[in-house]
Amino acid sequence: IEFFIPYDLSSRAVQREGRSVFWLHAQTLEDDAAALRR
């Protein structure tokens, strides 16, 4: 069972003070060379 302990990524996907979060999709990465723009 211990090998199947999941990390809860959803808790990190929330905008908080002092940080910004966004998702990267395969289609975006393939089509947009500026996908990692700040």
All heavy atoms as atom14 arrays in JSON, in Angstrom:
{
  "sequence": "IEFFIPYDLSSRAVQREGRSVFWLHAQTLEDDAAALRR",
  "atom14_mask": [
    [1, 1, 1, 1, 1, 1, 1, 1, 0, 0, 0, 0, 0, 0],
    [1, 1, 1, 1, 1, 1, 1, 1, 1, 0, 0, 0, 0, 0],
    [1, 1, 1, 1, 1, 1, 1, 1, 1, 1, 1, 0, 0, 0],
    [1, 1, 1, 1, 1, 1, 1, 1, 1, 1, 1, 0, 0, 0],
    [1, 1, 1, 1, 1, 1, 1, 1, 0, 0, 0, 0, 0, 0],
    [1, 1, 1, 1, 1, 1, 1, 0, 0, 0, 0, 0, 0, 0],
    [1, 1, 1, 1, 1, 1, 1, 1, 1, 1, 1, 1, 0, 0],
    [1, 1, 1, 1, 1, 1, 1, 1, 0, 0, 0, 0, 0, 0],
    [1, 1, 1, 1, 1, 1, 1, 1, 0, 0, 0, 0, 0, 0],
    [1, 1, 1, 1, 1, 1, 0, 0, 0, 0, 0, 0, 0, 0],
    [1, 1, 1, 1, 1, 1, 0, 0, 0, 0, 0, 0, 0, 0],
    [1, 1, 1, 1, 1, 1, 1, 1, 1, 1, 1, 0, 0, 0],
    [1, 1, 1, 1, 1, 0, 0, 0, 0, 0, 0, 0, 0, 0],
    [1, 1, 1, 1, 1, 1, 1, 0, 0, 0, 0, 0, 0, 0],
    [1, 1, 1, 1, 1, 1, 1, 1, 1, 0, 0, 0, 0, 0],
    [1, 1, 1, 1, 1, 1, 1, 1, 1, 1, 1, 0, 0, 0],
    [1, 1, 1, 1, 1, 1, 1, 1, 1, 0, 0, 0, 0, 0],
    [1, 1, 1, 1, 0, 0, 0, 0, 0, 0, 0, 0, 0, 0],
    [1, 1, 1, 1, 1, 1, 1, 1, 1, 1, 1, 0, 0, 0],
    [1, 1, 1, 1, 1, 1, 0, 0, 0, 0, 0, 0, 0, 0],
    [1, 1, 1, 1, 1, 1, 1, 0, 0, 0, 0, 0, 0, 0],
    [1, 1, 1, 1, 1, 1, 1, 1, 1, 1, 1, 0, 0, 0],
    [1, 1, 1, 1, 1, 1, 1, 1, 1, 1, 1, 1, 1, 1],
    [1, 1, 1, 1, 1, 1, 1, 1, 0, 0, 0, 0, 0, 0],
    [1, 1, 1, 1, 1, 1, 1, 1, 1, 1, 0, 0, 0, 0],
    [1, 1, 1, 1, 1, 0, 0, 0, 0, 0, 0, 0, 0, 0],
    [1, 1, 1, 1, 1, 1, 1, 1, 1, 0, 0, 0, 0, 0],
    [1, 1, 1, 1, 1, 1, 1, 0, 0, 0, 0, 0, 0, 0],
    [1, 1, 1, 1, 1, 1, 1, 1, 0, 0, 0, 0, 0, 0],
    [1, 1, 1, 1, 1, 1, 1, 1, 1, 0, 0, 0, 0, 0],
    [1, 1, 1, 1, 1, 1, 1, 1, 0, 0, 0, 0, 0, 0],
    [1, 1, 1, 1, 1, 1, 1, 1, 0, 0, 0, 0, 0, 0],
    [1, 1, 1, 1, 1, 0, 0, 0, 0, 0, 0, 0, 0, 0],
    [1, 1, 1, 1, 1, 0, 0, 0, 0, 0, 0, 0, 0, 0],
    [1, 1, 1, 1, 1, 0, 0, 0, 0, 0, 0, 0, 0, 0],
    [1, 1, 1, 1, 1, 1, 1, 1, 0, 0, 0, 0, 0, 0],
    [1, 1, 1, 1, 1, 1, 1, 1, 1, 1, 1, 0, 0, 0],
    [1, 1, 1, 1, 1, 1, 1, 1, 1, 1, 1, 0, 0, 0]
  ],
  "atom14_positions": [
    [[0.83, -1.2, 0.0], [0.0, 0.0, 0.0], [0.87, 1.26, 0.0], [0.54, 2.26, -0.65], [-0.92, 0.0, 1.23], [-2.04, -1.04, 1.06], [-1.52, 1.39, 1.46], [-3.04, -0.71, -0.01], [0.0, 0.0, 0.0], [0.0, 0.0, 0.0], [0.0, 0.0, 0.0], [0.0, 0.0, 0.0], [0.0, 0.0, 0.0], [0.0, 0.0, 0.0]],
    [[2.0, 1.23, 0.71], [2.84, 2.42, 0.85], [3.38, 2.91, -0.49], [3.68, 4.09, -0.64], [4.01, 2.14, 1.8], [3.6, 1.96, 3.26], [3.02, 3.23, 3.86], [3.57, 4.31, 3.61], [2.0, 3.12, 4.57], [0.0, 0.0, 0.0], [0.0, 0.0, 0.0], [0.0, 0.0, 0.0], [0.0, 0.0, 0.0], [0.0, 0.0, 0.0]],
    [[3.52, 2.02, -1.47], [4.01, 2.44, -2.78], [2.98, 3.26, -3.55], [3.31, 3.94, -4.52], [4.41, 1.22, -3.63], [5.73, 0.64, -3.26], [5.82, -0.44, -2.39], [6.91, 1.16, -3.78], [7.05, -0.98, -2.05], [8.14, 0.63, -3.45], [8.21, -0.45, -2.58], [0.0, 0.0, 0.0], [0.0, 0.0, 0.0], [0.0, 0.0, 0.0]],
    [[1.71, 3.18, -3.12], [0.63, 3.83, -3.86], [0.13, 5.09, -3.17], [-0.98, 5.53, -3.43], [-0.52, 2.84, -4.07], [-0.16, 1.67, -4.94], [0.34, 0.49, -4.39], [-0.29, 1.74, -6.32], [0.68, -0.59, -5.18], [0.05, 0.67, -7.12], [0.54, -0.5, -6.56], [0.0, 0.0, 0.0], [0.0, 0.0, 0.0], [0.0, 0.0, 0.0]],
    [[0.95, 5.68, -2.3], [0.56, 6.93, -1.64], [0.66, 8.07, -2.64], [1.74, 8.36, -3.14], [1.46, 7.21, -0.42], [1.4, 6.05, 0.58], [1.06, 8.52, 0.24], [0.05, 5.85, 1.2], [0.0, 0.0, 0.0], [0.0, 0.0, 0.0], [0.0, 0.0, 0.0], [0.0, 0.0, 0.0], [0.0, 0.0, 0.0], [0.0, 0.0, 0.0]],
    [[-0.45, 8.76, -2.95], [-0.39, 9.82, -3.96], [-0.04, 11.17, -3.35], [-0.39, 11.45, -2.19], [-1.81, 9.84, -4.53], [-2.66, 9.44, -3.36], [-1.84, 8.47, -2.54], [0.0, 0.0, 0.0], [0.0, 0.0, 0.0], [0.0, 0.0, 0.0], [0.0, 0.0, 0.0], [0.0, 0.0, 0.0], [0.0, 0.0, 0.0], [0.0, 0.0, 0.0]],
    [[0.66, 11.99, -4.1], [0.88, 13.37, -3.71], [-0.3, 14.2, -4.21], [-0.71, 14.07, -5.36], [2.19, 13.9, -4.29], [2.39, 15.37, -4.02], [2.62, 15.81, -2.73], [2.35, 16.3, -5.05], [2.8, 17.16, -2.45], [2.53, 17.65, -4.79], [2.76, 18.07, -3.49], [2.94, 19.41, -3.22], [0.0, 0.0, 0.0], [0.0, 0.0, 0.0]],
    [[-0.84, 15.05, -3.36], [-2.0, 15.85, -3.72], [-1.54, 17.12, -4.43], [-1.22, 18.12, -3.8], [-2.81, 16.2, -2.48], [-4.1, 16.96, -2.83], [-4.48, 16.92, -4.01], [-4.68, 17.57, -1.92], [0.0, 0.0, 0.0], [0.0, 0.0, 0.0], [0.0, 0.0, 0.0], [0.0, 0.0, 0.0], [0.0, 0.0, 0.0], [0.0, 0.0, 0.0]],
    [[-1.49, 17.05, -5.74], [-1.05, 18.2, -6.54], [-2.1, 19.3, -6.56], [-1.77, 20.48, -6.74], [-0.74, 17.75, -7.96], [-0.18, 18.8, -8.92], [1.14, 19.36, -8.41], [0.0, 18.21, -10.32], [0.0, 0.0, 0.0], [0.0, 0.0, 0.0], [0.0, 0.0, 0.0], [0.0, 0.0, 0.0], [0.0, 0.0, 0.0], [0.0, 0.0, 0.0]],
    [[-3.36, 18.95, -6.35], [-4.43, 19.95, -6.43], [-4.22, 21.08, -5.43], [-4.59, 22.22, -5.69], [-5.79, 19.28, -6.18], [-6.0, 18.23, -7.11], [0.0, 0.0, 0.0], [0.0, 0.0, 0.0], [0.0, 0.0, 0.0], [0.0, 0.0, 0.0], [0.0, 0.0, 0.0], [0.0, 0.0, 0.0], [0.0, 0.0, 0.0], [0.0, 0.0, 0.0]],
    [[-3.61, 20.76, -4.3], [-3.39, 21.8, -3.29], [-2.38, 22.83, -3.75], [-2.34, 23.96, -3.24], [-2.91, 21.16, -1.97], [-1.66, 20.5, -2.17], [0.0, 0.0, 0.0], [0.0, 0.0, 0.0], [0.0, 0.0, 0.0], [0.0, 0.0, 0.0], [0.0, 0.0, 0.0], [0.0, 0.0, 0.0], [0.0, 0.0, 0.0], [0.0, 0.0, 0.0]],
    [[-1.53, 22.46, -4.72], [-0.54, 23.4, -5.24], [-1.05, 24.2, -6.44], [-0.39, 25.13, -6.89], [0.73, 22.64, -5.66], [1.36, 21.82, -4.57], [1.78, 22.68, -3.39], [2.92, 23.52, -3.7], [4.18, 23.19, -3.43], [4.45, 22.03, -2.87], [5.17, 24.01, -3.73], [0.0, 0.0, 0.0], [0.0, 0.0, 0.0], [0.0, 0.0, 0.0]],
    [[-2.21, 23.81, -6.96], [-2.74, 24.45, -8.16], [-3.6, 25.66, -7.85], [-4.32, 26.15, -8.71], [-3.54, 23.43, -8.98], [0.0, 0.0, 0.0], [0.0, 0.0, 0.0], [0.0, 0.0, 0.0], [0.0, 0.0, 0.0], [0.0, 0.0, 0.0], [0.0, 0.0, 0.0], [0.0, 0.0, 0.0], [0.0, 0.0, 0.0], [0.0, 0.0, 0.0]],
    [[-3.53, 26.14, -6.62], [-4.34, 27.27, -6.19], [-3.47, 28.52, -6.14], [-2.37, 28.5, -5.58], [-4.96, 27.0, -4.8], [-5.8, 28.18, -4.35], [-5.79, 25.73, -4.83], [0.0, 0.0, 0.0], [0.0, 0.0, 0.0], [0.0, 0.0, 0.0], [0.0, 0.0, 0.0], [0.0, 0.0, 0.0], [0.0, 0.0, 0.0], [0.0, 0.0, 0.0]],
    [[-3.97, 29.6, -6.73], [-3.24, 30.87, -6.68], [-3.17, 31.35, -5.23], [-4.17, 31.37, -4.53], [-3.95, 31.92, -7.55], [-4.12, 31.53, -9.0], [-2.82, 31.65, -9.79], [-1.82, 32.15, -9.31], [-2.84, 31.18, -11.03], [0.0, 0.0, 0.0], [0.0, 0.0, 0.0], [0.0, 0.0, 0.0], [0.0, 0.0, 0.0], [0.0, 0.0, 0.0]],
    [[-1.97, 31.73, -4.81], [-1.79, 32.26, -3.47], [-0.94, 33.51, -3.53], [-0.28, 33.77, -4.53], [-1.14, 31.21, -2.55], [-2.04, 30.04, -2.2], [-1.37, 29.12, -1.23], [-0.35, 28.28, -1.87], [0.5, 27.5, -1.23], [0.47, 27.46, 0.08], [1.38, 26.77, -1.87], [0.0, 0.0, 0.0], [0.0, 0.0, 0.0], [0.0, 0.0, 0.0]],
    [[-0.92, 34.24, -2.44], [-0.12, 35.45, -2.4], [1.36, 35.09, -2.56], [1.87, 34.18, -1.91], [-0.33, 36.18, -1.07], [0.39, 37.51, -0.99], [0.14, 38.24, 0.32], [-0.67, 37.72, 1.13], [0.73, 39.31, 0.52], [0.0, 0.0, 0.0], [0.0, 0.0, 0.0], [0.0, 0.0, 0.0], [0.0, 0.0, 0.0], [0.0, 0.0, 0.0]],
    [[2.02, 35.8, -3.43], [3.45, 35.56, -3.63], [3.75, 34.47, -4.64], [4.92, 34.13, -4.82], [0.0, 0.0, 0.0], [0.0, 0.0, 0.0], [0.0, 0.0, 0.0], [0.0, 0.0, 0.0], [0.0, 0.0, 0.0], [0.0, 0.0, 0.0], [0.0, 0.0, 0.0], [0.0, 0.0, 0.0], [0.0, 0.0, 0.0], [0.0, 0.0, 0.0]],
    [[2.75, 33.94, -5.28], [3.01, 32.9, -6.28], [1.9, 32.86, -7.32], [0.78, 33.27, -7.07], [3.17, 31.53, -5.62], [1.94, 30.95, -4.98], [2.3, 29.68, -4.25], [3.25, 29.97, -3.19], [4.06, 29.07, -2.63], [4.03, 27.83, -3.04], [4.88, 29.4, -1.67], [0.0, 0.0, 0.0], [0.0, 0.0, 0.0], [0.0, 0.0, 0.0]],
    [[2.28, 32.37, -8.48], [1.34, 32.22, -9.59], [1.49, 30.81, -10.14], [2.61, 30.28, -10.21], [1.64, 33.25, -10.68], [0.8, 33.06, -11.8], [0.0, 0.0, 0.0], [0.0, 0.0, 0.0], [0.0, 0.0, 0.0], [0.0, 0.0, 0.0], [0.0, 0.0, 0.0], [0.0, 0.0, 0.0], [0.0, 0.0, 0.0], [0.0, 0.0, 0.0]],
    [[0.37, 30.18, -10.51], [0.43, 28.81, -11.04], [-0.36, 28.75, -12.34], [-1.34, 29.47, -12.53], [-0.13, 27.78, -10.04], [0.71, 27.71, -8.79], [-1.58, 28.11, -9.67], [0.0, 0.0, 0.0], [0.0, 0.0, 0.0], [0.0, 0.0, 0.0], [0.0, 0.0, 0.0], [0.0, 0.0, 0.0], [0.0, 0.0, 0.0], [0.0, 0.0, 0.0]],
    [[0.09, 27.9, -13.25], [-0.65, 27.68, -14.49], [-0.29, 26.3, -15.04], [0.77, 25.74, -14.73], [-0.37, 28.78, -15.52], [1.08, 28.95, -15.88], [1.63, 28.27, -16.96], [1.89, 29.8, -15.15], [2.97, 28.43, -17.29], [3.23, 29.97, -15.49], [3.77, 29.28, -16.56], [0.0, 0.0, 0.0], [0.0, 0.0, 0.0], [0.0, 0.0, 0.0]],
    [[-1.2, 25.74, -15.85], [-1.04, 24.41, -16.41], [-0.37, 24.5, -17.78], [-0.56, 25.46, -18.52], [-2.39, 23.72, -16.56], [-3.13, 23.54, -15.27], [-4.11, 24.35, -14.76], [-2.94, 22.5, -14.32], [-4.54, 23.87, -13.56], [-3.85, 22.73, -13.26], [-2.1, 21.38, -14.26], [-3.93, 21.89, -12.15], [-2.2, 20.54, -13.17], [-3.1, 20.8, -12.13]],
    [[0.39, 23.47, -18.11], [0.98, 23.33, -19.44], [0.37, 22.11, -20.12], [0.43, 21.0, -19.57], [2.5, 23.17, -19.36], [3.3, 24.37, -18.87], [4.78, 24.02, -18.8], [3.09, 25.57, -19.78], [0.0, 0.0, 0.0], [0.0, 0.0, 0.0], [0.0, 0.0, 0.0], [0.0, 0.0, 0.0], [0.0, 0.0, 0.0], [0.0, 0.0, 0.0]],
    [[-0.22, 22.31, -21.3], [-0.81, 21.21, -22.06], [0.07, 20.85, -23.24], [0.82, 21.69, -23.77], [-2.21, 21.61, -22.55], [-3.18, 21.86, -21.43], [-4.0, 20.88, -20.92], [-3.43, 22.98, -20.72], [-4.73, 21.38, -19.95], [-4.42, 22.66, -19.8], [0.0, 0.0, 0.0], [0.0, 0.0, 0.0], [0.0, 0.0, 0.0], [0.0, 0.0, 0.0]],
    [[-0.01, 19.6, -23.67], [0.85, 19.12, -24.76], [0.65, 19.95, -26.02], [1.62, 20.33, -26.68], [0.57, 17.64, -25.03], [0.0, 0.0, 0.0], [0.0, 0.0, 0.0], [0.0, 0.0, 0.0], [0.0, 0.0, 0.0], [0.0, 0.0, 0.0], [0.0, 0.0, 0.0], [0.0, 0.0, 0.0], [0.0, 0.0, 0.0], [0.0, 0.0, 0.0]],
    [[-0.62, 20.25, -26.36], [-0.89, 21.0, -27.58], [-0.27, 22.4, -27.51], [0.3, 22.9, -28.48], [-2.41, 21.1, -27.78], [-2.81, 21.71, -29.13], [-2.4, 20.83, -30.29], [-2.4, 19.61, -30.17], [-2.02, 21.44, -31.41], [0.0, 0.0, 0.0], [0.0, 0.0, 0.0], [0.0, 0.0, 0.0], [0.0, 0.0, 0.0], [0.0, 0.0, 0.0]],
    [[-0.34, 23.01, -26.34], [0.24, 24.35, -26.16], [1.74, 24.31, -26.33], [2.34, 25.17, -26.98], [-0.12, 24.89, -24.77], [-1.54, 24.85, -24.6], [0.37, 26.31, -24.59], [0.0, 0.0, 0.0], [0.0, 0.0, 0.0], [0.0, 0.0, 0.0], [0.0, 0.0, 0.0], [0.0, 0.0, 0.0], [0.0, 0.0, 0.0], [0.0, 0.0, 0.0]],
    [[2.37, 23.3, -25.74], [3.83, 23.2, -25.82], [4.29, 22.93, -27.24], [5.37, 23.37, -27.65], [4.31, 22.09, -24.88], [4.17, 22.37, -23.38], [4.49, 21.12, -22.58], [5.1, 23.5, -22.95], [0.0, 0.0, 0.0], [0.0, 0.0, 0.0], [0.0, 0.0, 0.0], [0.0, 0.0, 0.0], [0.0, 0.0, 0.0], [0.0, 0.0, 0.0]],
    [[3.49, 22.2, -28.0], [3.87, 21.89, -29.38], [3.68, 23.09, -30.31], [4.47, 23.31, -31.22], [3.02, 20.72, -29.89], [3.36, 19.39, -29.22], [2.37, 18.3, -29.58], [1.35, 18.64, -30.22], [2.59, 17.14, -29.21], [0.0, 0.0, 0.0], [0.0, 0.0, 0.0], [0.0, 0.0, 0.0], [0.0, 0.0, 0.0], [0.0, 0.0, 0.0]],
    [[2.65, 23.9, -30.03], [2.31, 24.98, -30.95], [2.91, 26.32, -30.58], [3.11, 27.17, -31.45], [0.78, 25.13, -31.02], [0.12, 23.89, -31.6], [0.85, 23.07, -32.2], [-1.1, 23.74, -31.44], [0.0, 0.0, 0.0], [0.0, 0.0, 0.0], [0.0, 0.0, 0.0], [0.0, 0.0, 0.0], [0.0, 0.0, 0.0], [0.0, 0.0, 0.0]],
    [[3.17, 26.54, -29.3], [3.55, 27.88, -28.85], [4.95, 27.85, -28.28], [5.18, 27.33, -27.19], [2.55, 28.36, -27.79], [2.8, 29.8, -27.37], [3.72, 30.42, -27.94], [2.09, 30.29, -26.5], [0.0, 0.0, 0.0], [0.0, 0.0, 0.0], [0.0, 0.0, 0.0], [0.0, 0.0, 0.0], [0.0, 0.0, 0.0], [0.0, 0.0, 0.0]],
    [[5.88, 28.41, -28.99], [7.27, 28.45, -28.51], [7.42, 29.35, -27.3], [8.41, 29.27, -26.58], [8.2, 28.92, -29.62], [0.0, 0.0, 0.0], [0.0, 0.0, 0.0], [0.0, 0.0, 0.0], [0.0, 0.0, 0.0], [0.0, 0.0, 0.0], [0.0, 0.0, 0.0], [0.0, 0.0, 0.0], [0.0, 0.0, 0.0], [0.0, 0.0, 0.0]],
    [[6.43, 30.2, -27.07], [6.49, 31.1, -25.92], [5.64, 30.59, -24.77], [5.19, 31.35, -23.92], [6.03, 32.5, -26.32], [0.0, 0.0, 0.0], [0.0, 0.0, 0.0], [0.0, 0.0, 0.0], [0.0, 0.0, 0.0], [0.0, 0.0, 0.0], [0.0, 0.0, 0.0], [0.0, 0.0, 0.0], [0.0, 0.0, 0.0], [0.0, 0.0, 0.0]],
    [[5.4, 29.28, -24.75], [4.52, 28.71, -23.72], [5.04, 28.95, -22.32], [4.28, 28.97, -21.37], [4.35, 27.2, -23.96], [0.0, 0.0, 0.0], [0.0, 0.0, 0.0], [0.0, 0.0, 0.0], [0.0, 0.0, 0.0], [0.0, 0.0, 0.0], [0.0, 0.0, 0.0], [0.0, 0.0, 0.0], [0.0, 0.0, 0.0], [0.0, 0.0, 0.0]],
    [[6.34, 29.12, -22.18], [6.92, 29.33, -20.86], [7.19, 30.8, -20.59], [8.02, 31.14, -19.77], [8.21, 28.53, -20.71], [8.03, 27.02, -20.62], [9.37, 26.35, -20.41], [7.08, 26.63, -19.54], [0.0, 0.0, 0.0], [0.0, 0.0, 0.0], [0.0, 0.0, 0.0], [0.0, 0.0, 0.0], [0.0, 0.0, 0.0], [0.0, 0.0, 0.0]],
    [[6.52, 31.66, -21.33], [6.75, 33.09, -21.1], [6.37, 33.42, -19.66], [5.43, 32.88, -19.09], [5.92, 33.92, -22.06], [4.41, 33.72, -21.94], [3.69, 34.51, -23.01], [2.25, 34.34, -22.91], [1.6, 33.35, -23.48], [2.25, 32.43, -24.16], [0.28, 33.25, -23.36], [0.0, 0.0, 0.0], [0.0, 0.0, 0.0], [0.0, 0.0, 0.0]],
    [[7.09, 34.37, -19.1], [6.87, 34.72, -17.71], [5.59, 35.53, -17.58], [5.3, 36.38, -18.42], [8.04, 35.52, -17.18], [9.36, 34.77, -17.22], [10.47, 35.64, -16.72], [11.76, 34.96, -16.86], [12.91, 35.51, -16.51], [12.94, 36.73, -16.02], [14.04, 34.83, -16.66], [0.0, 0.0, 0.0], [0.0, 0.0, 0.0], [0.0, 0.0, 0.0]]
  ]
}
